[in-house]
Amino acid sequence: MADLNGLSLYHKEHCPFCHKVRAVMTELKLDIPLVDMNANAEEWQRLQTEGGKGMVPCLRIDQGGETQWMYESDDIIEYLRDNFA
Protein backbone atom coordinates (compact mmCIF):
# COMPACT_ATOMS: atom_id res chain seq x y z
CA MET A 1 0.00 0.00 0.00
CA ALA A 2 1.28 3.48 -0.84
CA ASP A 3 1.92 6.12 1.79
CA LEU A 4 -0.32 9.19 2.21
CA ASN A 5 2.74 11.30 3.09
CA GLY A 6 3.74 13.37 0.11
CA LEU A 7 0.23 13.57 -1.35
CA SER A 8 -1.81 16.75 -1.74
CA LEU A 9 -4.91 17.50 -3.77
CA TYR A 10 -5.08 20.80 -5.61
CA HIS A 11 -8.77 21.63 -5.96
CA LYS A 12 -11.51 24.24 -6.14
CA GLU A 13 -14.44 23.99 -3.75
CA HIS A 14 -17.24 24.20 -6.35
CA CYS A 15 -15.59 22.17 -9.13
CA PRO A 16 -17.72 19.04 -9.83
CA PHE A 17 -14.67 16.97 -10.83
CA CYS A 18 -12.91 17.98 -7.61
CA HIS A 19 -16.02 17.06 -5.64
CA LYS A 20 -15.96 13.60 -7.22
CA VAL A 21 -12.36 13.06 -6.05
CA ARG A 22 -13.07 14.42 -2.56
CA ALA A 23 -16.07 12.06 -2.27
CA VAL A 24 -13.83 9.06 -2.97
CA MET A 25 -11.30 10.36 -0.43
CA THR A 26 -14.11 10.48 2.13
CA GLU A 27 -15.32 7.02 1.16
CA LEU A 28 -11.81 5.60 1.58
CA LYS A 29 -11.22 7.66 4.75
CA LEU A 30 -8.13 9.32 3.28
CA ASP A 31 -6.83 12.44 4.98
CA ILE A 32 -4.96 13.99 2.06
CA PRO A 33 -4.14 17.70 2.48
CA LEU A 34 -6.28 19.95 0.27
CA VAL A 35 -4.84 22.99 -1.48
CA ASP A 36 -7.66 25.41 -2.38
CA MET A 37 -6.80 27.17 -5.62
CA ASN A 38 -9.32 29.95 -4.98
CA ALA A 39 -7.54 30.91 -1.76
CA ASN A 40 -3.88 30.42 -2.63
CA ALA A 41 -2.38 32.37 -5.54
CA GLU A 42 1.15 31.10 -4.80
CA GLU A 43 0.09 27.45 -5.06
CA TRP A 44 -1.94 28.23 -8.20
CA GLN A 45 1.27 29.54 -9.77
CA ARG A 46 3.16 26.43 -8.60
CA LEU A 47 0.49 24.19 -10.14
CA GLN A 48 0.93 25.93 -13.49
CA THR A 49 4.73 26.17 -13.53
CA GLU A 50 5.72 22.87 -11.89
CA GLY A 51 2.69 20.81 -12.87
CA GLY A 52 2.46 22.20 -16.38
CA LYS A 53 -1.29 22.90 -16.35
CA GLY A 54 -3.60 25.31 -14.56
CA MET A 55 -6.22 22.61 -14.12
CA VAL A 56 -7.91 20.98 -11.14
CA PRO A 57 -8.26 18.51 -9.66
CA CYS A 58 -4.59 17.64 -9.53
CA LEU A 59 -3.01 15.14 -7.17
CA ARG A 60 0.57 16.06 -6.33
CA ILE A 61 2.58 12.96 -5.48
CA ASP A 62 5.98 13.52 -3.84
CA GLN A 63 7.72 10.15 -3.46
CA GLY A 64 11.35 9.10 -3.55
CA GLY A 65 12.59 12.58 -4.38
CA GLU A 66 10.36 12.78 -7.45
CA THR A 67 7.19 14.82 -7.95
CA GLN A 68 4.34 13.66 -10.16
CA TRP A 69 1.35 15.86 -10.99
CA MET A 70 -1.69 13.69 -11.75
CA TYR A 71 -4.57 15.40 -13.54
CA GLU A 72 -8.00 14.06 -14.51
CA SER A 73 -10.44 13.06 -11.80
CA ASP A 74 -10.88 9.50 -13.10
CA ASP A 75 -7.10 8.91 -13.09
CA ILE A 76 -6.82 10.28 -9.55
CA ILE A 77 -9.71 8.11 -8.35
CA GLU A 78 -8.17 5.03 -9.97
CA TYR A 79 -4.83 5.79 -8.27
CA LEU A 80 -6.53 6.23 -4.87
CA ARG A 81 -8.56 3.03 -5.20
CA ASP A 82 -5.58 1.01 -6.45
CA ASN A 83 -3.30 2.20 -3.66
CA PHE A 84 -5.59 2.75 -0.66
CA ALA A 85 -8.77 0.65 -1.00
PDB file of N, CA and C in Angstrom:
ATOM      1  N   MET A   1       0.848  -1.183   0.000  1.00  0.00           N
ATOM      2  CA  MET A   1       0.000   0.000   0.000  1.00  0.00           C
ATOM      3  C   MET A   1       0.888   1.239   0.000  1.00  0.00           C
ATOM      4  N   ALA A   2       0.536   2.228  -0.767  1.00  0.00           N
ATOM      5  CA  ALA A   2       1.278   3.481  -0.845  1.00  0.00           C
ATOM      6  C   ALA A   2       1.076   4.290   0.430  1.00  0.00           C
ATOM      7  N   ASP A   3       1.931   5.272   0.613  1.00  0.00           N
ATOM      8  CA  ASP A   3       1.922   6.125   1.793  1.00  0.00           C
ATOM      9  C   ASP A   3       1.198   7.433   1.468  1.00  0.00           C
ATOM     10  N   LEU A   4       0.377   7.920   2.408  1.00  0.00           N
ATOM     11  CA  LEU A   4      -0.318   9.195   2.209  1.00  0.00           C
ATOM     12  C   LEU A   4       0.634  10.380   2.302  1.00  0.00           C
ATOM     13  N   ASN A   5       1.765  10.208   2.997  1.00  0.00           N
ATOM     14  CA  ASN A   5       2.736  11.298   3.093  1.00  0.00           C
ATOM     15  C   ASN A   5       3.206  11.656   1.691  1.00  0.00           C
ATOM     16  N   GLY A   6       3.296  12.927   1.423  1.00  0.00           N
ATOM     17  CA  GLY A   6       3.735  13.368   0.109  1.00  0.00           C
ATOM     18  C   GLY A   6       2.611  13.587  -0.885  1.00  0.00           C
ATOM     19  N   LEU A   7       1.367  13.324  -0.470  1.00  0.00           N
ATOM     20  CA  LEU A   7       0.227  13.570  -1.352  1.00  0.00           C
ATOM     21  C   LEU A   7      -0.459  14.874  -0.975  1.00  0.00           C
ATOM     22  N   SER A   8      -0.930  15.604  -1.963  1.00  0.00           N
ATOM     23  CA  SER A   8      -1.806  16.754  -1.736  1.00  0.00           C
ATOM     24  C   SER A   8      -2.705  16.910  -2.958  1.00  0.00           C
ATOM     25  N   LEU A   9      -3.933  17.326  -2.692  1.00  0.00           N
ATOM     26  CA  LEU A   9      -4.908  17.499  -3.768  1.00  0.00           C
ATOM     27  C   LEU A   9      -5.143  18.982  -4.004  1.00  0.00           C
ATOM     28  N   TYR A  10      -4.794  19.432  -5.187  1.00  0.00           N
ATOM     29  CA  TYR A  10      -5.084  20.798  -5.612  1.00  0.00           C
ATOM     30  C   TYR A  10      -6.511  20.787  -6.149  1.00  0.00           C
ATOM     31  N   HIS A  11      -7.343  21.682  -5.622  1.00  0.00           N
ATOM     32  CA  HIS A  11      -8.765  21.629  -5.962  1.00  0.00           C
ATOM     33  C   HIS A  11      -9.397  23.015  -5.877  1.00  0.00           C
ATOM     34  N   LYS A  12     -10.638  23.081  -6.337  1.00  0.00           N
ATOM     35  CA  LYS A  12     -11.509  24.243  -6.136  1.00  0.00           C
ATOM     36  C   LYS A  12     -12.792  23.721  -5.518  1.00  0.00           C
ATOM     37  N   GLU A  13     -13.303  24.434  -4.549  1.00  0.00           N
ATOM     38  CA  GLU A  13     -14.443  23.987  -3.751  1.00  0.00           C
ATOM     39  C   GLU A  13     -15.657  23.611  -4.596  1.00  0.00           C
ATOM     40  N   HIS A  14     -15.993  24.408  -5.606  1.00  0.00           N
ATOM     41  CA  HIS A  14     -17.238  24.198  -6.350  1.00  0.00           C
ATOM     42  C   HIS A  14     -17.043  23.490  -7.693  1.00  0.00           C
ATOM     43  N   CYS A  15     -15.878  22.919  -7.904  1.00  0.00           N
ATOM     44  CA  CYS A  15     -15.595  22.168  -9.132  1.00  0.00           C
ATOM     45  C   CYS A  15     -16.205  20.769  -9.010  1.00  0.00           C
ATOM     46  N   PRO A  16     -17.085  20.363  -9.944  1.00  0.00           N
ATOM     47  CA  PRO A  16     -17.719  19.042  -9.832  1.00  0.00           C
ATOM     48  C   PRO A  16     -16.727  17.881  -9.938  1.00  0.00           C
ATOM     49  N   PHE A  17     -15.668  18.033 -10.713  1.00  0.00           N
ATOM     50  CA  PHE A  17     -14.667  16.975 -10.831  1.00  0.00           C
ATOM     51  C   PHE A  17     -13.859  16.847  -9.540  1.00  0.00           C
ATOM     52  N   CYS A  18     -13.596  17.988  -8.901  1.00  0.00           N
ATOM     53  CA  CYS A  18     -12.907  17.983  -7.606  1.00  0.00           C
ATOM     54  C   CYS A  18     -13.791  17.338  -6.548  1.00  0.00           C
ATOM     55  N   HIS A  19     -15.076  17.643  -6.594  1.00  0.00           N
ATOM     56  CA  HIS A  19     -16.021  17.057  -5.637  1.00  0.00           C
ATOM     57  C   HIS A  19     -16.018  15.532  -5.756  1.00  0.00           C
ATOM     58  N   LYS A  20     -15.970  15.045  -6.978  1.00  0.00           N
ATOM     59  CA  LYS A  20     -15.960  13.599  -7.218  1.00  0.00           C
ATOM     60  C   LYS A  20     -14.738  12.951  -6.546  1.00  0.00           C
ATOM     61  N   VAL A  21     -13.579  13.582  -6.672  1.00  0.00           N
ATOM     62  CA  VAL A  21     -12.363  13.055  -6.049  1.00  0.00           C
ATOM     63  C   VAL A  21     -12.462  13.138  -4.529  1.00  0.00           C
ATOM     64  N   ARG A  22     -12.939  14.270  -4.018  1.00  0.00           N
ATOM     65  CA  ARG A  22     -13.070  14.417  -2.559  1.00  0.00           C
ATOM     66  C   ARG A  22     -14.049  13.395  -1.992  1.00  0.00           C
ATOM     67  N   ALA A  23     -15.099  13.059  -2.733  1.00  0.00           N
ATOM     68  CA  ALA A  23     -16.071  12.057  -2.273  1.00  0.00           C
ATOM     69  C   ALA A  23     -15.406  10.689  -2.129  1.00  0.00           C
ATOM     70  N   VAL A  24     -14.542  10.335  -3.063  1.00  0.00           N
ATOM     71  CA  VAL A  24     -13.828   9.057  -2.967  1.00  0.00           C
ATOM     72  C   VAL A  24     -12.837   9.098  -1.803  1.00  0.00           C
ATOM     73  N   MET A  25     -12.186  10.230  -1.587  1.00  0.00           N
ATOM     74  CA  MET A  25     -11.295  10.364  -0.434  1.00  0.00           C
ATOM     75  C   MET A  25     -12.069  10.137   0.866  1.00  0.00           C
ATOM     76  N   THR A  26     -13.268  10.680   0.951  1.00  0.00           N
ATOM     77  CA  THR A  26     -14.112  10.484   2.133  1.00  0.00           C
ATOM     78  C   THR A  26     -14.506   9.021   2.266  1.00  0.00           C
ATOM     79  N   GLU A  27     -14.926   8.431   1.171  1.00  0.00           N
ATOM     80  CA  GLU A  27     -15.323   7.019   1.164  1.00  0.00           C
ATOM     81  C   GLU A  27     -14.194   6.116   1.659  1.00  0.00           C
ATOM     82  N   LEU A  28     -12.963   6.414   1.217  1.00  0.00           N
ATOM     83  CA  LEU A  28     -11.806   5.599   1.581  1.00  0.00           C
ATOM     84  C   LEU A  28     -11.158   6.051   2.894  1.00  0.00           C
ATOM     85  N   LYS A  29     -11.735   7.101   3.492  1.00  0.00           N
ATOM     86  CA  LYS A  29     -11.222   7.658   4.753  1.00  0.00           C
ATOM     87  C   LYS A  29      -9.760   8.101   4.621  1.00  0.00           C
ATOM     88  N   LEU A  30      -9.477   8.827   3.546  1.00  0.00           N
ATOM     89  CA  LEU A  30      -8.131   9.321   3.278  1.00  0.00           C
ATOM     90  C   LEU A  30      -8.022  10.782   3.688  1.00  0.00           C
ATOM     91  N   ASP A  31      -7.050  11.078   4.509  1.00  0.00           N
ATOM     92  CA  ASP A  31      -6.825  12.443   4.979  1.00  0.00           C
ATOM     93  C   ASP A  31      -5.669  13.057   4.188  1.00  0.00           C
ATOM     94  N   ILE A  32      -5.947  13.383   2.943  1.00  0.00           N
ATOM     95  CA  ILE A  32      -4.956  13.992   2.060  1.00  0.00           C
ATOM     96  C   ILE A  32      -5.126  15.503   2.157  1.00  0.00           C
ATOM     97  N   PRO A  33      -4.033  16.247   2.390  1.00  0.00           N
ATOM     98  CA  PRO A  33      -4.145  17.702   2.476  1.00  0.00           C
ATOM     99  C   PRO A  33      -4.741  18.296   1.195  1.00  0.00           C
ATOM    100  N   LEU A  34      -5.640  19.256   1.386  1.00  0.00           N
ATOM    101  CA  LEU A  34      -6.285  19.948   0.273  1.00  0.00           C
ATOM    102  C   LEU A  34      -5.647  21.316   0.094  1.00  0.00           C
ATOM    103  N   VAL A  35      -5.381  21.682  -1.149  1.00  0.00           N
ATOM    104  CA  VAL A  35      -4.839  22.992  -1.481  1.00  0.00           C
ATOM    105  C   VAL A  35      -5.892  23.700  -2.322  1.00  0.00           C
ATOM    106  N   ASP A  36      -6.561  24.694  -1.722  1.00  0.00           N
ATOM    107  CA  ASP A  36      -7.658  25.413  -2.376  1.00  0.00           C
ATOM    108  C   ASP A  36      -7.101  26.458  -3.338  1.00  0.00           C
ATOM    109  N   MET A  37      -7.337  26.273  -4.608  1.00  0.00           N
ATOM    110  CA  MET A  37      -6.800  27.170  -5.621  1.00  0.00           C
ATOM    111  C   MET A  37      -7.467  28.540  -5.617  1.00  0.00           C
ATOM    112  N   ASN A  38      -8.663  28.642  -5.069  1.00  0.00           N
ATOM    113  CA  ASN A  38      -9.318  29.947  -4.981  1.00  0.00           C
ATOM    114  C   ASN A  38      -8.722  30.803  -3.873  1.00  0.00           C
ATOM    115  N   ALA A  39      -8.037  30.188  -2.921  1.00  0.00           N
ATOM    116  CA  ALA A  39      -7.537  30.912  -1.756  1.00  0.00           C
ATOM    117  C   ALA A  39      -6.017  31.022  -1.726  1.00  0.00           C
ATOM    118  N   ASN A  40      -5.329  30.495  -2.722  1.00  0.00           N
ATOM    119  CA  ASN A  40      -3.882  30.425  -2.628  1.00  0.00           C
ATOM    120  C   ASN A  40      -3.226  30.695  -3.984  1.00  0.00           C
ATOM    121  N   ALA A  41      -2.953  31.966  -4.255  1.00  0.00           N
ATOM    122  CA  ALA A  41      -2.375  32.368  -5.540  1.00  0.00           C
ATOM    123  C   ALA A  41      -0.982  31.777  -5.750  1.00  0.00           C
ATOM    124  N   GLU A  42      -0.200  31.650  -4.682  1.00  0.00           N
ATOM    125  CA  GLU A  42       1.154  31.098  -4.797  1.00  0.00           C
ATOM    126  C   GLU A  42       1.115  29.634  -5.244  1.00  0.00           C
ATOM    127  N   GLU A  43       0.214  28.863  -4.666  1.00  0.00           N
ATOM    128  CA  GLU A  43       0.090  27.455  -5.057  1.00  0.00           C
ATOM    129  C   GLU A  43      -0.513  27.314  -6.456  1.00  0.00           C
ATOM    130  N   TRP A  44      -1.388  28.237  -6.833  1.00  0.00           N
ATOM    131  CA  TRP A  44      -1.937  28.228  -8.196  1.00  0.00           C
ATOM    132  C   TRP A  44      -0.806  28.408  -9.206  1.00  0.00           C
ATOM    133  N   GLN A  45       0.114  29.324  -8.894  1.00  0.00           N
ATOM    134  CA  GLN A  45       1.273  29.545  -9.766  1.00  0.00           C
ATOM    135  C   GLN A  45       2.152  28.298  -9.815  1.00  0.00           C
ATOM    136  N   ARG A  46       2.357  27.662  -8.665  1.00  0.00           N
ATOM    137  CA  ARG A  46       3.157  26.432  -8.604  1.00  0.00           C
ATOM    138  C   ARG A  46       2.523  25.328  -9.454  1.00  0.00           C
ATOM    139  N   LEU A  47       1.208  25.196  -9.353  1.00  0.00           N
ATOM    140  CA  LEU A  47       0.491  24.189 -10.137  1.00  0.00           C
ATOM    141  C   LEU A  47       0.764  24.384 -11.627  1.00  0.00           C
ATOM    142  N   GLN A  48       0.726  25.636 -12.067  1.00  0.00           N
ATOM    143  CA  GLN A  48       0.931  25.927 -13.487  1.00  0.00           C
ATOM    144  C   GLN A  48       2.384  25.741 -13.915  1.00  0.00           C
ATOM    145  N   THR A  49       3.325  26.222 -13.114  1.00  0.00           N
ATOM    146  CA  THR A  49       4.727  26.171 -13.530  1.00  0.00           C
ATOM    147  C   THR A  49       5.350  24.792 -13.326  1.00  0.00           C
ATOM    148  N   GLU A  50       5.118  24.182 -12.169  1.00  0.00           N
ATOM    149  CA  GLU A  50       5.723  22.872 -11.895  1.00  0.00           C
ATOM    150  C   GLU A  50       4.892  21.727 -12.467  1.00  0.00           C
ATOM    151  N   GLY A  51       3.572  21.868 -12.376  1.00  0.00           N
ATOM    152  CA  GLY A  51       2.694  20.813 -12.874  1.00  0.00           C
ATOM    153  C   GLY A  51       2.475  20.871 -14.371  1.00  0.00           C
ATOM    154  N   GLY A  52       2.592  22.061 -14.932  1.00  0.00           N
ATOM    155  CA  GLY A  52       2.461  22.204 -16.376  1.00  0.00           C
ATOM    156  C   GLY A  52       1.074  22.577 -16.863  1.00  0.00           C
ATOM    157  N   LYS A  53       0.082  22.553 -15.964  1.00  0.00           N
ATOM    158  CA  LYS A  53      -1.288  22.899 -16.350  1.00  0.00           C
ATOM    159  C   LYS A  53      -1.949  23.659 -15.209  1.00  0.00           C
ATOM    160  N   GLY A  54      -2.778  24.618 -15.554  1.00  0.00           N
ATOM    161  CA  GLY A  54      -3.599  25.307 -14.565  1.00  0.00           C
ATOM    162  C   GLY A  54      -4.963  24.653 -14.511  1.00  0.00           C
ATOM    163  N   MET A  55      -4.991  23.408 -14.057  1.00  0.00           N
ATOM    164  CA  MET A  55      -6.215  22.611 -14.118  1.00  0.00           C
ATOM    165  C   MET A  55      -6.378  21.842 -12.809  1.00  0.00           C
ATOM    166  N   VAL A  56      -7.606  21.775 -12.326  1.00  0.00           N
ATOM    167  CA  VAL A  56      -7.911  20.976 -11.137  1.00  0.00           C
ATOM    168  C   VAL A  56      -9.044  20.021 -11.463  1.00  0.00           C
ATOM    169  N   PRO A  57      -9.122  18.904 -10.758  1.00  0.00           N
ATOM    170  CA  PRO A  57      -8.256  18.511  -9.658  1.00  0.00           C
ATOM    171  C   PRO A  57      -6.891  18.045 -10.162  1.00  0.00           C
ATOM    172  N   CYS A  58      -5.923  18.140  -9.258  1.00  0.00           N
ATOM    173  CA  CYS A  58      -4.587  17.636  -9.528  1.00  0.00           C
ATOM    174  C   CYS A  58      -4.050  17.033  -8.237  1.00  0.00           C
ATOM    175  N   LEU A  59      -3.629  15.797  -8.314  1.00  0.00           N
ATOM    176  CA  LEU A  59      -3.013  15.136  -7.169  1.00  0.00           C
ATOM    177  C   LEU A  59      -1.504  15.256  -7.318  1.00  0.00           C
ATOM    178  N   ARG A  60      -0.893  15.954  -6.355  1.00  0.00           N
ATOM    179  CA  ARG A  60       0.567  16.063  -6.334  1.00  0.00           C
ATOM    180  C   ARG A  60       1.097  14.898  -5.515  1.00  0.00           C
ATOM    181  N   ILE A  61       2.010  14.145  -6.114  1.00  0.00           N
ATOM    182  CA  ILE A  61       2.575  12.959  -5.477  1.00  0.00           C
ATOM    183  C   ILE A  61       4.082  13.165  -5.354  1.00  0.00           C
ATOM    184  N   ASP A  62       4.552  13.376  -4.128  1.00  0.00           N
ATOM    185  CA  ASP A  62       5.984  13.517  -3.841  1.00  0.00           C
ATOM    186  C   ASP A  62       6.467  12.219  -3.214  1.00  0.00           C
ATOM    187  N   GLN A  63       7.219  11.437  -3.971  1.00  0.00           N
ATOM    188  CA  GLN A  63       7.722  10.153  -3.465  1.00  0.00           C
ATOM    189  C   GLN A  63       9.116   9.893  -4.010  1.00  0.00           C
ATOM    190  N   GLY A  64      10.000   9.472  -3.136  1.00  0.00           N
ATOM    191  CA  GLY A  64      11.348   9.098  -3.554  1.00  0.00           C
ATOM    192  C   GLY A  64      12.121  10.214  -4.219  1.00  0.00           C
ATOM    193  N   GLY A  65      11.888  11.451  -3.798  1.00  0.00           N
ATOM    194  CA  GLY A  65      12.591  12.583  -4.376  1.00  0.00           C
ATOM    195  C   GLY A  65      12.053  13.036  -5.718  1.00  0.00           C
ATOM    196  N   GLU A  66      10.997  12.422  -6.179  1.00  0.00           N
ATOM    197  CA  GLU A  66      10.359  12.776  -7.453  1.00  0.00           C
ATOM    198  C   GLU A  66       8.971  13.343  -7.189  1.00  0.00           C
ATOM    199  N   THR A  67       8.535  14.259  -8.046  1.00  0.00           N
ATOM    200  CA  THR A  67       7.188  14.816  -7.949  1.00  0.00           C
ATOM    201  C   THR A  67       6.427  14.505  -9.221  1.00  0.00           C
ATOM    202  N   GLN A  68       5.242  13.944  -9.041  1.00  0.00           N
ATOM    203  CA  GLN A  68       4.341  13.657 -10.164  1.00  0.00           C
ATOM    204  C   GLN A  68       3.082  14.490  -9.958  1.00  0.00           C
ATOM    205  N   TRP A  69       2.586  15.082 -11.023  1.00  0.00           N
ATOM    206  CA  TRP A  69       1.351  15.862 -10.991  1.00  0.00           C
ATOM    207  C   TRP A  69       0.313  15.081 -11.788  1.00  0.00           C
ATOM    208  N   MET A  70      -0.674  14.526 -11.104  1.00  0.00           N
ATOM    209  CA  MET A  70      -1.685  13.692 -11.753  1.00  0.00           C
ATOM    210  C   MET A  70      -2.974  14.496 -11.939  1.00  0.00           C
ATOM    211  N   TYR A  71      -3.345  14.689 -13.197  1.00  0.00           N
ATOM    212  CA  TYR A  71      -4.570  15.404 -13.537  1.00  0.00           C
ATOM    213  C   TYR A  71      -5.652  14.391 -13.901  1.00  0.00           C
ATOM    214  N   GLU A  72      -6.838  14.864 -14.110  1.00  0.00           N
ATOM    215  CA  GLU A  72      -8.003  14.062 -14.510  1.00  0.00           C
ATOM    216  C   GLU A  72      -8.578  13.308 -13.314  1.00  0.00           C
ATOM    217  N   SER A  73      -9.799  13.634 -12.980  1.00  0.00           N
ATOM    218  CA  SER A  73     -10.444  13.058 -11.799  1.00  0.00           C
ATOM    219  C   SER A  73     -10.503  11.536 -11.853  1.00  0.00           C
ATOM    220  N   ASP A  74     -10.791  10.967 -13.006  1.00  0.00           N
ATOM    221  CA  ASP A  74     -10.880   9.505 -13.101  1.00  0.00           C
ATOM    222  C   ASP A  74      -9.523   8.837 -12.856  1.00  0.00           C
ATOM    223  N   ASP A  75      -8.447   9.454 -13.337  1.00  0.00           N
ATOM    224  CA  ASP A  75      -7.103   8.914 -13.094  1.00  0.00           C
ATOM    225  C   ASP A  75      -6.746   8.990 -11.612  1.00  0.00           C
ATOM    226  N   ILE A  76      -7.093  10.107 -10.981  1.00  0.00           N
ATOM    227  CA  ILE A  76      -6.820  10.282  -9.552  1.00  0.00           C
ATOM    228  C   ILE A  76      -7.602   9.255  -8.739  1.00  0.00           C
ATOM    229  N   ILE A  77      -8.870   9.083  -9.068  1.00  0.00           N
ATOM    230  CA  ILE A  77      -9.711   8.114  -8.354  1.00  0.00           C
ATOM    231  C   ILE A  77      -9.163   6.702  -8.530  1.00  0.00           C
ATOM    232  N   GLU A  78      -8.755   6.353  -9.730  1.00  0.00           N
ATOM    233  CA  GLU A  78      -8.174   5.028  -9.969  1.00  0.00           C
ATOM    234  C   GLU A  78      -6.912   4.837  -9.122  1.00  0.00           C
ATOM    235  N   TYR A  79      -6.054   5.853  -9.078  1.00  0.00           N
ATOM    236  CA  TYR A  79      -4.835   5.792  -8.265  1.00  0.00           C
ATOM    237  C   TYR A  79      -5.178   5.586  -6.787  1.00  0.00           C
ATOM    238  N   LEU A  80      -6.143   6.343  -6.284  1.00  0.00           N
ATOM    239  CA  LEU A  80      -6.525   6.226  -4.874  1.00  0.00           C
ATOM    240  C   LEU A  80      -7.097   4.847  -4.569  1.00  0.00           C
ATOM    241  N   ARG A  81      -7.972   4.362  -5.425  1.00  0.00           N
ATOM    242  CA  ARG A  81      -8.563   3.033  -5.203  1.00  0.00           C
ATOM    243  C   ARG A  81      -7.502   1.930  -5.299  1.00  0.00           C
ATOM    244  N   ASP A  82      -6.612   2.030  -6.274  1.00  0.00           N
ATOM    245  CA  ASP A  82      -5.578   1.008  -6.453  1.00  0.00           C
ATOM    246  C   ASP A  82      -4.600   0.966  -5.279  1.00  0.00           C
ATOM    247  N   ASN A  83      -4.329   2.121  -4.689  1.00  0.00           N
ATOM    248  CA  ASN A  83      -3.298   2.198  -3.658  1.00  0.00           C
ATOM    249  C   ASN A  83      -3.811   2.219  -2.226  1.00  0.00           C
ATOM    250  N   PHE A  84      -5.103   2.552  -2.027  1.00  0.00           N
ATOM    251  CA  PHE A  84      -5.588   2.752  -0.657  1.00  0.00           C
ATOM    252  C   PHE A  84      -6.889   2.041  -0.329  1.00  0.00           C
ATOM    253  N   ALA A  85      -7.500   1.328  -1.283  1.00  0.00           N
ATOM    254  CA  ALA A  85      -8.772   0.652  -1.001  1.00  0.00           C
ATOM    255  C   ALA A  85      -8.539  -0.671  -0.306  1.00  0.00           C
TER     256      ALA A  85
END
